[in-house]
Amino acid sequence: MKKIYILMGNPDKEGTLSAELADVYENAAHAAGHEVRRANIGDVQFDPFLHKGYKVIQQLEPDLLKMQEDMRWADHFVLIYPIWWSATPALLKGLFDRMWLPGFAFHFWKNGLGWDRLLKGKTARVITLSKMPPLFIRFTMGDFTNEIRHATLGFAGYKVRMTEIGNSEKLSLAAKARVDKSITKLAVQGK
């Protein structure tokens, strides 16, 4: 059994497919015997702005400290969010800007030639939802998962796997049932 931390990254937690899939994953993981913790980004109290960039590290709010604790605790991290303008929602980006800090996610080497990945050995599942087919977005706009997959989670040491759900606002009942089944299977397996 795994320790799983779920972050539902859509600021709107009511009536969205992101929230619904987070519920599906959470319920199936619990039923399979995994230990599960969850946060909805819309409930997290924090200032998403870096007012001085990284020249001055802002003190982390209690909710961000709790999130860091939960991420250290978990073997597996699940992030679910909608693709907005070929990227993460701004609030989710602000969350990573604020809490992805040296000493938590990474540690730069003194010689400046590398870094230690402080969350190495952990796995992550990123589930993205988009209006358009992911292949179309990738063909017209480029890789919309690079930032979160490689430059954020991978940078800290996570082994990341992606689940990309396209046409998410117009899924038929049959397609929605297939998505739910797929997410349930991932949750049961702790993947």
N, C-alpha and C. Protein backbone atom coordinates (compact mmCIF):
# COMPACT_ATOMS: atom_id res chain seq x y z
N MET A 1 0.84 -1.18 0.00
CA MET A 1 0.00 0.00 0.00
C MET A 1 0.88 1.25 0.00
N LYS A 2 0.37 2.28 -0.62
CA LYS A 2 1.15 3.51 -0.77
C LYS A 2 0.54 4.65 0.03
N LYS A 3 1.38 5.65 0.27
CA LYS A 3 0.93 6.92 0.83
C LYS A 3 0.79 7.86 -0.37
N ILE A 4 -0.42 8.35 -0.59
CA ILE A 4 -0.73 9.13 -1.79
C ILE A 4 -1.22 10.52 -1.39
N TYR A 5 -0.65 11.52 -2.05
CA TYR A 5 -1.09 12.90 -1.84
C TYR A 5 -1.69 13.41 -3.15
N ILE A 6 -2.93 13.88 -3.08
CA ILE A 6 -3.65 14.39 -4.25
C ILE A 6 -3.77 15.90 -4.14
N LEU A 7 -3.43 16.59 -5.22
CA LEU A 7 -3.68 18.04 -5.31
C LEU A 7 -4.60 18.28 -6.49
N MET A 8 -5.81 18.74 -6.20
CA MET A 8 -6.74 19.12 -7.25
C MET A 8 -6.42 20.57 -7.59
N GLY A 9 -5.85 20.79 -8.77
CA GLY A 9 -5.28 22.08 -9.13
C GLY A 9 -6.18 23.04 -9.87
N ASN A 10 -7.47 22.77 -9.92
CA ASN A 10 -8.42 23.71 -10.52
C ASN A 10 -8.95 24.59 -9.39
N PRO A 11 -8.80 25.92 -9.48
CA PRO A 11 -9.30 26.79 -8.42
C PRO A 11 -10.80 26.63 -8.16
N ASP A 12 -11.55 26.20 -9.17
CA ASP A 12 -12.99 25.97 -9.02
C ASP A 12 -13.19 24.52 -8.63
N LYS A 13 -13.57 24.29 -7.39
CA LYS A 13 -13.67 22.91 -6.90
C LYS A 13 -15.07 22.34 -7.00
N GLU A 14 -16.02 23.10 -7.50
CA GLU A 14 -17.41 22.63 -7.56
C GLU A 14 -17.87 22.47 -9.01
N GLY A 15 -18.32 21.27 -9.32
CA GLY A 15 -18.90 21.03 -10.64
C GLY A 15 -17.91 20.97 -11.78
N THR A 16 -16.63 20.73 -11.47
CA THR A 16 -15.64 20.63 -12.55
C THR A 16 -15.21 19.18 -12.71
N LEU A 17 -14.79 18.84 -13.90
CA LEU A 17 -14.29 17.50 -14.14
C LEU A 17 -13.01 17.25 -13.33
N SER A 18 -12.20 18.28 -13.14
CA SER A 18 -10.99 18.13 -12.31
C SER A 18 -11.36 17.65 -10.91
N ALA A 19 -12.34 18.30 -10.29
CA ALA A 19 -12.76 17.93 -8.94
C ALA A 19 -13.39 16.54 -8.93
N GLU A 20 -14.17 16.25 -9.95
CA GLU A 20 -14.82 14.95 -10.05
C GLU A 20 -13.79 13.82 -10.16
N LEU A 21 -12.76 14.03 -10.98
CA LEU A 21 -11.73 13.00 -11.14
C LEU A 21 -10.87 12.87 -9.89
N ALA A 22 -10.65 13.97 -9.18
CA ALA A 22 -9.94 13.89 -7.91
C ALA A 22 -10.74 13.05 -6.92
N ASP A 23 -12.06 13.22 -6.92
CA ASP A 23 -12.93 12.41 -6.06
C ASP A 23 -12.85 10.93 -6.44
N VAL A 24 -12.91 10.66 -7.75
CA VAL A 24 -12.84 9.27 -8.22
C VAL A 24 -11.52 8.63 -7.78
N TYR A 25 -10.41 9.34 -7.99
CA TYR A 25 -9.11 8.80 -7.60
C TYR A 25 -9.04 8.60 -6.09
N GLU A 26 -9.43 9.62 -5.33
CA GLU A 26 -9.36 9.55 -3.87
C GLU A 26 -10.19 8.38 -3.33
N ASN A 27 -11.43 8.25 -3.78
CA ASN A 27 -12.31 7.18 -3.29
C ASN A 27 -11.78 5.80 -3.63
N ALA A 28 -11.28 5.63 -4.86
CA ALA A 28 -10.76 4.32 -5.28
C ALA A 28 -9.47 3.97 -4.53
N ALA A 29 -8.62 4.96 -4.31
CA ALA A 29 -7.37 4.72 -3.57
C ALA A 29 -7.67 4.32 -2.12
N HIS A 30 -8.60 5.04 -1.49
CA HIS A 30 -9.02 4.69 -0.13
C HIS A 30 -9.55 3.26 -0.09
N ALA A 31 -10.45 2.94 -1.02
CA ALA A 31 -11.08 1.62 -1.06
C ALA A 31 -10.04 0.51 -1.26
N ALA A 32 -8.95 0.83 -1.95
CA ALA A 32 -7.89 -0.16 -2.20
C ALA A 32 -6.93 -0.30 -1.01
N GLY A 33 -7.12 0.55 0.01
CA GLY A 33 -6.30 0.45 1.21
C GLY A 33 -5.12 1.39 1.28
N HIS A 34 -4.98 2.27 0.31
CA HIS A 34 -3.89 3.26 0.35
C HIS A 34 -4.21 4.32 1.40
N GLU A 35 -3.16 4.93 1.96
CA GLU A 35 -3.33 6.11 2.81
C GLU A 35 -3.39 7.31 1.87
N VAL A 36 -4.39 8.15 2.05
CA VAL A 36 -4.59 9.27 1.12
C VAL A 36 -4.77 10.58 1.87
N ARG A 37 -4.08 11.59 1.39
CA ARG A 37 -4.30 12.97 1.82
C ARG A 37 -4.60 13.77 0.57
N ARG A 38 -5.37 14.85 0.74
CA ARG A 38 -5.77 15.64 -0.43
C ARG A 38 -5.88 17.11 -0.09
N ALA A 39 -5.59 17.94 -1.08
CA ALA A 39 -5.83 19.38 -0.99
C ALA A 39 -6.49 19.83 -2.29
N ASN A 40 -7.36 20.81 -2.17
CA ASN A 40 -7.94 21.49 -3.32
C ASN A 40 -7.32 22.88 -3.35
N ILE A 41 -6.70 23.24 -4.46
CA ILE A 41 -5.97 24.50 -4.49
C ILE A 41 -6.86 25.70 -4.14
N GLY A 42 -8.14 25.61 -4.45
CA GLY A 42 -9.05 26.70 -4.11
C GLY A 42 -9.25 26.90 -2.63
N ASP A 43 -8.88 25.91 -1.82
CA ASP A 43 -8.99 26.01 -0.36
C ASP A 43 -7.69 26.42 0.31
N VAL A 44 -6.59 26.41 -0.43
CA VAL A 44 -5.27 26.70 0.13
C VAL A 44 -5.11 28.21 0.29
N GLN A 45 -4.81 28.63 1.50
CA GLN A 45 -4.64 30.06 1.80
C GLN A 45 -3.17 30.44 1.66
N PHE A 46 -2.85 31.21 0.62
CA PHE A 46 -1.47 31.65 0.40
C PHE A 46 -1.46 32.79 -0.61
N ASP A 47 -0.38 33.55 -0.58
CA ASP A 47 -0.16 34.62 -1.55
C ASP A 47 0.60 34.00 -2.72
N PRO A 48 0.00 33.95 -3.92
CA PRO A 48 0.66 33.28 -5.04
C PRO A 48 1.74 34.11 -5.73
N PHE A 49 1.94 35.35 -5.28
CA PHE A 49 2.88 36.23 -5.95
C PHE A 49 4.25 36.25 -5.28
N LEU A 50 5.28 36.20 -6.10
CA LEU A 50 6.64 36.41 -5.61
C LEU A 50 6.92 37.90 -5.72
N HIS A 51 6.73 38.62 -4.66
CA HIS A 51 6.81 40.08 -4.70
C HIS A 51 8.21 40.59 -4.99
N LYS A 52 9.24 39.85 -4.60
CA LYS A 52 10.62 40.25 -4.85
C LYS A 52 11.37 39.19 -5.66
N GLY A 53 10.61 38.39 -6.41
CA GLY A 53 11.25 37.29 -7.10
C GLY A 53 11.87 36.36 -6.07
N TYR A 54 13.04 35.82 -6.37
CA TYR A 54 13.71 34.95 -5.40
C TYR A 54 14.84 35.67 -4.67
N LYS A 55 14.89 37.03 -4.81
CA LYS A 55 15.89 37.80 -4.05
C LYS A 55 15.62 37.70 -2.56
N VAL A 56 14.33 37.68 -2.22
CA VAL A 56 13.92 37.56 -0.82
C VAL A 56 12.88 36.44 -0.77
N ILE A 57 13.17 35.40 0.00
CA ILE A 57 12.22 34.29 0.11
C ILE A 57 11.12 34.70 1.09
N GLN A 58 9.90 34.71 0.61
CA GLN A 58 8.76 35.04 1.46
C GLN A 58 8.51 33.89 2.44
N GLN A 59 8.15 34.24 3.65
CA GLN A 59 7.81 33.21 4.63
C GLN A 59 6.60 32.45 4.12
N LEU A 60 6.67 31.12 4.22
CA LEU A 60 5.57 30.28 3.75
C LEU A 60 4.41 30.31 4.74
N GLU A 61 3.21 30.40 4.18
CA GLU A 61 2.01 30.35 4.99
C GLU A 61 1.83 28.93 5.53
N PRO A 62 1.04 28.77 6.62
CA PRO A 62 0.83 27.44 7.20
C PRO A 62 0.31 26.41 6.19
N ASP A 63 -0.58 26.81 5.26
CA ASP A 63 -1.09 25.86 4.28
C ASP A 63 0.01 25.35 3.36
N LEU A 64 0.96 26.22 2.99
CA LEU A 64 2.07 25.77 2.13
C LEU A 64 3.02 24.86 2.90
N LEU A 65 3.25 25.17 4.17
CA LEU A 65 4.08 24.29 4.99
C LEU A 65 3.43 22.91 5.12
N LYS A 66 2.12 22.89 5.28
CA LYS A 66 1.38 21.61 5.37
C LYS A 66 1.50 20.84 4.05
N MET A 67 1.41 21.55 2.93
CA MET A 67 1.54 20.89 1.63
C MET A 67 2.93 20.28 1.47
N GLN A 68 3.96 21.01 1.88
CA GLN A 68 5.31 20.47 1.82
C GLN A 68 5.42 19.21 2.68
N GLU A 69 4.85 19.27 3.88
CA GLU A 69 4.86 18.10 4.77
C GLU A 69 4.17 16.91 4.10
N ASP A 70 3.02 17.16 3.48
CA ASP A 70 2.28 16.08 2.82
C ASP A 70 3.05 15.52 1.63
N MET A 71 3.75 16.37 0.91
CA MET A 71 4.53 15.89 -0.23
C MET A 71 5.73 15.07 0.23
N ARG A 72 6.35 15.46 1.33
CA ARG A 72 7.45 14.66 1.88
C ARG A 72 6.93 13.30 2.36
N TRP A 73 5.74 13.32 2.97
CA TRP A 73 5.13 12.11 3.52
C TRP A 73 4.79 11.10 2.43
N ALA A 74 4.29 11.57 1.31
CA ALA A 74 3.73 10.71 0.26
C ALA A 74 4.80 10.00 -0.55
N ASP A 75 4.46 8.76 -0.93
CA ASP A 75 5.28 8.02 -1.91
C ASP A 75 4.91 8.46 -3.32
N HIS A 76 3.63 8.81 -3.48
CA HIS A 76 3.07 9.08 -4.80
C HIS A 76 2.24 10.37 -4.75
N PHE A 77 2.48 11.24 -5.71
CA PHE A 77 1.79 12.53 -5.80
C PHE A 77 0.91 12.52 -7.03
N VAL A 78 -0.35 12.92 -6.86
CA VAL A 78 -1.29 13.00 -7.98
C VAL A 78 -1.72 14.45 -8.12
N LEU A 79 -1.51 14.99 -9.31
CA LEU A 79 -1.87 16.38 -9.61
C LEU A 79 -2.87 16.38 -10.76
N ILE A 80 -4.01 17.02 -10.52
CA ILE A 80 -5.08 17.06 -11.53
C ILE A 80 -5.42 18.52 -11.80
N TYR A 81 -5.38 18.93 -13.07
CA TYR A 81 -5.71 20.33 -13.38
C TYR A 81 -6.11 20.49 -14.84
N PRO A 82 -6.84 21.58 -15.13
CA PRO A 82 -7.19 21.89 -16.52
C PRO A 82 -6.04 22.65 -17.20
N ILE A 83 -5.91 22.45 -18.49
CA ILE A 83 -4.95 23.21 -19.29
C ILE A 83 -5.60 24.53 -19.66
N TRP A 84 -4.99 25.63 -19.24
CA TRP A 84 -5.47 26.96 -19.60
C TRP A 84 -4.34 27.66 -20.35
N TRP A 85 -4.60 28.10 -21.56
CA TRP A 85 -3.60 28.77 -22.39
C TRP A 85 -2.33 27.93 -22.48
N SER A 86 -2.52 26.64 -22.71
CA SER A 86 -1.41 25.68 -22.88
C SER A 86 -0.48 25.62 -21.67
N ALA A 87 -1.03 25.83 -20.48
CA ALA A 87 -0.21 25.82 -19.27
C ALA A 87 -1.09 25.49 -18.06
N THR A 88 -0.46 25.52 -16.90
CA THR A 88 -1.20 25.31 -15.65
C THR A 88 -1.99 26.57 -15.32
N PRO A 89 -3.07 26.45 -14.56
CA PRO A 89 -3.75 27.65 -14.08
C PRO A 89 -2.77 28.53 -13.28
N ALA A 90 -2.94 29.84 -13.33
CA ALA A 90 -2.01 30.78 -12.69
C ALA A 90 -1.85 30.50 -11.20
N LEU A 91 -2.94 30.17 -10.51
CA LEU A 91 -2.85 29.92 -9.07
C LEU A 91 -1.97 28.70 -8.78
N LEU A 92 -2.05 27.68 -9.62
CA LEU A 92 -1.21 26.50 -9.46
C LEU A 92 0.26 26.85 -9.73
N LYS A 93 0.51 27.64 -10.73
CA LYS A 93 1.88 28.10 -11.02
C LYS A 93 2.41 28.89 -9.84
N GLY A 94 1.57 29.78 -9.28
CA GLY A 94 1.98 30.56 -8.11
C GLY A 94 2.30 29.69 -6.91
N LEU A 95 1.55 28.61 -6.75
CA LEU A 95 1.81 27.69 -5.64
C LEU A 95 3.20 27.07 -5.77
N PHE A 96 3.53 26.59 -6.96
CA PHE A 96 4.87 26.01 -7.15
C PHE A 96 5.95 27.08 -7.05
N ASP A 97 5.69 28.29 -7.56
CA ASP A 97 6.66 29.37 -7.42
C ASP A 97 7.00 29.63 -5.96
N ARG A 98 5.99 29.56 -5.11
CA ARG A 98 6.18 29.86 -3.69
C ARG A 98 6.81 28.72 -2.90
N MET A 99 6.38 27.47 -3.13
CA MET A 99 6.84 26.41 -2.24
C MET A 99 7.94 25.51 -2.79
N TRP A 100 8.27 25.62 -4.07
CA TRP A 100 9.31 24.78 -4.67
C TRP A 100 10.65 25.47 -4.42
N LEU A 101 11.18 25.29 -3.23
CA LEU A 101 12.33 26.06 -2.76
C LEU A 101 13.52 25.17 -2.46
N PRO A 102 14.72 25.77 -2.46
CA PRO A 102 15.90 25.04 -2.00
C PRO A 102 15.66 24.54 -0.58
N GLY A 103 16.09 23.31 -0.32
CA GLY A 103 15.89 22.73 0.99
C GLY A 103 14.62 21.90 1.07
N PHE A 104 13.70 22.15 0.17
CA PHE A 104 12.49 21.33 0.10
C PHE A 104 12.52 20.45 -1.15
N ALA A 105 12.57 21.07 -2.31
CA ALA A 105 12.48 20.33 -3.57
C ALA A 105 13.86 20.02 -4.18
N PHE A 106 14.84 20.84 -3.87
CA PHE A 106 16.17 20.68 -4.48
C PHE A 106 17.21 21.39 -3.63
N HIS A 107 18.46 21.15 -3.97
CA HIS A 107 19.58 21.85 -3.34
C HIS A 107 20.65 22.02 -4.41
N PHE A 108 20.95 23.27 -4.76
CA PHE A 108 21.99 23.52 -5.77
C PHE A 108 23.37 23.21 -5.20
N TRP A 109 24.22 22.64 -6.03
CA TRP A 109 25.60 22.37 -5.64
C TRP A 109 26.37 23.68 -5.54
N LYS A 110 27.33 23.72 -4.66
CA LYS A 110 28.12 24.95 -4.47
C LYS A 110 28.88 25.34 -5.73
N ASN A 111 29.28 24.35 -6.54
CA ASN A 111 30.04 24.66 -7.75
C ASN A 111 29.13 25.17 -8.88
N GLY A 112 27.81 25.15 -8.65
CA GLY A 112 26.87 25.68 -9.65
C GLY A 112 26.65 24.76 -10.84
N LEU A 113 27.16 23.54 -10.79
CA LEU A 113 27.08 22.65 -11.94
C LEU A 113 26.01 21.57 -11.82
N GLY A 114 25.13 21.70 -10.85
CA GLY A 114 24.08 20.70 -10.70
C GLY A 114 23.28 20.92 -9.45
N TRP A 115 22.50 19.92 -9.10
CA TRP A 115 21.64 20.02 -7.92
C TRP A 115 21.26 18.63 -7.43
N ASP A 116 20.90 18.58 -6.16
CA ASP A 116 20.35 17.37 -5.57
C ASP A 116 18.84 17.45 -5.69
N ARG A 117 18.23 16.36 -6.12
CA ARG A 117 16.78 16.27 -6.23
C ARG A 117 16.26 15.71 -4.91
N LEU A 118 15.69 16.57 -4.08
CA LEU A 118 15.34 16.19 -2.72
C LEU A 118 14.07 15.35 -2.61
N LEU A 119 13.33 15.21 -3.69
CA LEU A 119 12.13 14.36 -3.67
C LEU A 119 12.33 13.13 -4.55
N LYS A 120 13.59 12.80 -4.77
CA LYS A 120 13.94 11.64 -5.60
C LYS A 120 13.41 10.36 -4.96
N GLY A 121 13.01 9.43 -5.82
CA GLY A 121 12.47 8.16 -5.36
C GLY A 121 10.95 8.17 -5.27
N LYS A 122 10.35 9.31 -5.45
CA LYS A 122 8.89 9.42 -5.42
C LYS A 122 8.34 9.38 -6.85
N THR A 123 7.09 9.02 -6.96
CA THR A 123 6.44 9.01 -8.27
C THR A 123 5.32 10.04 -8.29
N ALA A 124 4.95 10.44 -9.49
CA ALA A 124 3.85 11.40 -9.66
C ALA A 124 3.01 11.01 -10.87
N ARG A 125 1.74 11.25 -10.76
CA ARG A 125 0.80 11.12 -11.88
C ARG A 125 0.20 12.50 -12.08
N VAL A 126 0.39 13.05 -13.27
CA VAL A 126 -0.21 14.33 -13.62
C VAL A 126 -1.35 14.05 -14.59
N ILE A 127 -2.54 14.49 -14.21
CA ILE A 127 -3.73 14.30 -15.04
C ILE A 127 -4.17 15.68 -15.52
N THR A 128 -4.08 15.88 -16.84
CA THR A 128 -4.48 17.17 -17.41
C THR A 128 -5.78 17.02 -18.19
N LEU A 129 -6.55 18.09 -18.18
CA LEU A 129 -7.82 18.13 -18.89
C LEU A 129 -7.78 19.31 -19.85
N SER A 130 -8.18 19.06 -21.09
CA SER A 130 -8.16 20.15 -22.07
C SER A 130 -9.40 20.08 -22.97
N LYS A 131 -9.80 21.25 -23.45
CA LYS A 131 -10.95 21.32 -24.37
C LYS A 131 -10.66 20.61 -25.68
N MET A 132 -9.41 20.71 -26.11
CA MET A 132 -9.01 20.17 -27.40
C MET A 132 -8.26 18.85 -27.20
N PRO A 133 -8.12 18.08 -28.26
CA PRO A 133 -7.30 16.87 -28.16
C PRO A 133 -5.85 17.24 -27.83
N PRO A 134 -5.21 16.56 -26.87
CA PRO A 134 -3.83 16.88 -26.50
C PRO A 134 -2.86 16.89 -27.69
N LEU A 135 -3.05 15.97 -28.64
CA LEU A 135 -2.16 15.92 -29.80
C LEU A 135 -2.28 17.21 -30.64
N PHE A 136 -3.49 17.74 -30.76
CA PHE A 136 -3.69 18.99 -31.51
C PHE A 136 -2.98 20.14 -30.81
N ILE A 137 -3.11 20.22 -29.50
CA ILE A 137 -2.44 21.29 -28.74
C ILE A 137 -0.93 21.16 -28.91
N ARG A 138 -0.42 19.95 -28.79
CA ARG A 138 1.02 19.71 -28.91
C ARG A 138 1.52 20.11 -30.31
N PHE A 139 0.72 19.78 -31.33
CA PHE A 139 1.10 20.09 -32.71
C PHE A 139 1.08 21.60 -32.97
N THR A 140 0.09 22.30 -32.43
CA THR A 140 -0.04 23.73 -32.71
C THR A 140 0.69 24.64 -31.73
N MET A 141 0.80 24.21 -30.46
CA MET A 141 1.36 25.09 -29.43
C MET A 141 2.64 24.56 -28.78
N GLY A 142 2.95 23.30 -29.02
CA GLY A 142 4.13 22.70 -28.40
C GLY A 142 3.76 21.86 -27.19
N ASP A 143 4.77 21.36 -26.50
CA ASP A 143 4.55 20.46 -25.36
C ASP A 143 4.08 21.26 -24.16
N PHE A 144 2.80 21.16 -23.86
CA PHE A 144 2.20 21.89 -22.75
C PHE A 144 2.45 21.23 -21.40
N THR A 145 3.12 20.07 -21.39
CA THR A 145 3.40 19.37 -20.13
C THR A 145 4.85 19.50 -19.70
N ASN A 146 5.70 20.08 -20.51
CA ASN A 146 7.12 20.14 -20.22
C ASN A 146 7.41 20.83 -18.89
N GLU A 147 6.77 21.96 -18.65
CA GLU A 147 7.05 22.75 -17.44
C GLU A 147 6.78 21.93 -16.17
N ILE A 148 5.60 21.34 -16.09
CA ILE A 148 5.25 20.61 -14.87
C ILE A 148 5.97 19.27 -14.79
N ARG A 149 6.09 18.59 -15.92
CA ARG A 149 6.67 17.24 -15.93
C ARG A 149 8.17 17.27 -15.69
N HIS A 150 8.87 18.10 -16.44
CA HIS A 150 10.34 18.11 -16.36
C HIS A 150 10.89 19.22 -15.47
N ALA A 151 10.46 20.45 -15.72
CA ALA A 151 11.08 21.60 -15.06
C ALA A 151 10.61 21.82 -13.62
N THR A 152 9.54 21.16 -13.21
CA THR A 152 9.08 21.31 -11.83
C THR A 152 9.20 19.98 -11.08
N LEU A 153 8.35 19.03 -11.41
CA LEU A 153 8.36 17.76 -10.67
C LEU A 153 9.63 16.95 -10.95
N GLY A 154 9.99 16.81 -12.21
CA GLY A 154 11.21 16.07 -12.55
C GLY A 154 12.46 16.72 -11.96
N PHE A 155 12.49 18.03 -11.93
CA PHE A 155 13.62 18.78 -11.37
C PHE A 155 13.85 18.40 -9.91
N ALA A 156 12.76 18.09 -9.19
CA ALA A 156 12.86 17.74 -7.78
C ALA A 156 13.07 16.24 -7.56
N GLY A 157 13.03 15.45 -8.64
CA GLY A 157 13.33 14.04 -8.53
C GLY A 157 12.17 13.09 -8.77
N TYR A 158 10.97 13.62 -8.96
CA TYR A 158 9.83 12.74 -9.21
C TYR A 158 9.97 12.01 -10.54
N LYS A 159 9.55 10.75 -10.56
CA LYS A 159 9.37 10.02 -11.81
C LYS A 159 7.92 10.27 -12.20
N VAL A 160 7.71 10.98 -13.29
CA VAL A 160 6.39 11.50 -13.65
C VAL A 160 5.77 10.71 -14.80
N ARG A 161 4.52 10.37 -14.63
CA ARG A 161 3.71 9.78 -15.71
C ARG A 161 2.53 10.69 -15.95
N MET A 162 2.13 10.77 -17.20
CA MET A 162 1.06 11.69 -17.61
C MET A 162 -0.19 10.94 -18.02
N THR A 163 -1.33 11.55 -17.74
CA THR A 163 -2.61 11.13 -18.29
C THR A 163 -3.25 12.40 -18.85
N GLU A 164 -3.43 12.45 -20.15
CA GLU A 164 -3.96 13.64 -20.81
C GLU A 164 -5.36 13.33 -21.34
N ILE A 165 -6.34 14.10 -20.88
CA ILE A 165 -7.72 13.90 -21.28
C ILE A 165 -8.16 15.08 -22.12
N GLY A 166 -8.43 14.82 -23.39
CA GLY A 166 -8.87 15.87 -24.31
C GLY A 166 -10.38 15.90 -24.45
N ASN A 167 -10.87 16.95 -25.09
CA ASN A 167 -12.31 17.15 -25.30
C ASN A 167 -13.07 17.04 -23.97
N SER A 168 -12.43 17.49 -22.91
CA SER A 168 -12.94 17.23 -21.56
C SER A 168 -14.27 17.91 -21.25
N GLU A 169 -14.58 18.96 -21.96
CA GLU A 169 -15.85 19.66 -21.68
C GLU A 169 -17.03 19.06 -22.44
N LYS A 170 -16.74 18.13 -23.35
CA LYS A 170 -17.80 17.54 -24.16
C LYS A 170 -17.74 16.02 -24.17
N LEU A 171 -17.28 15.44 -23.09
CA LEU A 171 -17.21 13.98 -23.03
C LEU A 171 -18.61 13.39 -23.01
N SER A 172 -18.82 12.39 -23.83
CA SER A 172 -20.10 11.67 -23.79
C SER A 172 -20.15 10.87 -22.49
N LEU A 173 -21.31 10.37 -22.13
CA LEU A 173 -21.43 9.55 -20.92
C LEU A 173 -20.55 8.31 -21.02
N ALA A 174 -20.47 7.72 -22.20
CA ALA A 174 -19.65 6.53 -22.39
C ALA A 174 -18.16 6.88 -22.24
N ALA A 175 -17.76 8.00 -22.83
CA ALA A 175 -16.36 8.43 -22.72
C ALA A 175 -16.02 8.77 -21.27
N LYS A 176 -16.93 9.43 -20.58
CA LYS A 176 -16.73 9.78 -19.17
C LYS A 176 -16.59 8.50 -18.33
N ALA A 177 -17.39 7.50 -18.61
CA ALA A 177 -17.31 6.22 -17.90
C ALA A 177 -15.95 5.56 -18.14
N ARG A 178 -15.42 5.65 -19.36
CA ARG A 178 -14.10 5.09 -19.66
C ARG A 178 -13.00 5.84 -18.89
N VAL A 179 -13.13 7.16 -18.83
CA VAL A 179 -12.15 7.96 -18.08
C VAL A 179 -12.20 7.59 -16.60
N ASP A 180 -13.39 7.52 -16.03
CA ASP A 180 -13.54 7.14 -14.62
C ASP A 180 -12.92 5.77 -14.35
N LYS A 181 -13.15 4.83 -15.25
CA LYS A 181 -12.60 3.47 -15.10
C LYS A 181 -11.07 3.51 -15.13
N SER A 182 -10.52 4.30 -16.03
CA SER A 182 -9.07 4.42 -16.15
C SER A 182 -8.47 5.05 -14.89
N ILE A 183 -9.11 6.10 -14.39
CA ILE A 183 -8.61 6.78 -13.18
C ILE A 183 -8.75 5.85 -11.97
N THR A 184 -9.83 5.12 -11.90
CA THR A 184 -10.02 4.16 -10.80
C THR A 184 -8.92 3.11 -10.82
N LYS A 185 -8.59 2.58 -11.98
CA LYS A 185 -7.54 1.58 -12.10
C LYS A 185 -6.19 2.14 -11.63
N LEU A 186 -5.87 3.38 -12.04
CA LEU A 186 -4.63 4.02 -11.58
C LEU A 186 -4.61 4.14 -10.07
N ALA A 187 -5.73 4.56 -9.50
CA ALA A 187 -5.82 4.77 -8.05
C ALA A 187 -5.64 3.46 -7.29
N VAL A 188 -6.30 2.42 -7.75
CA VAL A 188 -6.19 1.11 -7.09
C VAL A 188 -4.74 0.63 -7.09
N GLN A 189 -4.04 0.86 -8.20
CA GLN A 189 -2.65 0.44 -8.34
C GLN A 189 -1.66 1.41 -7.68
N GLY A 190 -2.17 2.57 -7.26
CA GLY A 190 -1.28 3.58 -6.67
C GLY A 190 -0.35 4.18 -7.69
N LYS A 191 -0.86 4.37 -8.90
CA LYS A 191 -0.05 4.91 -10.00
C LYS A 191 -0.58 6.25 -10.46
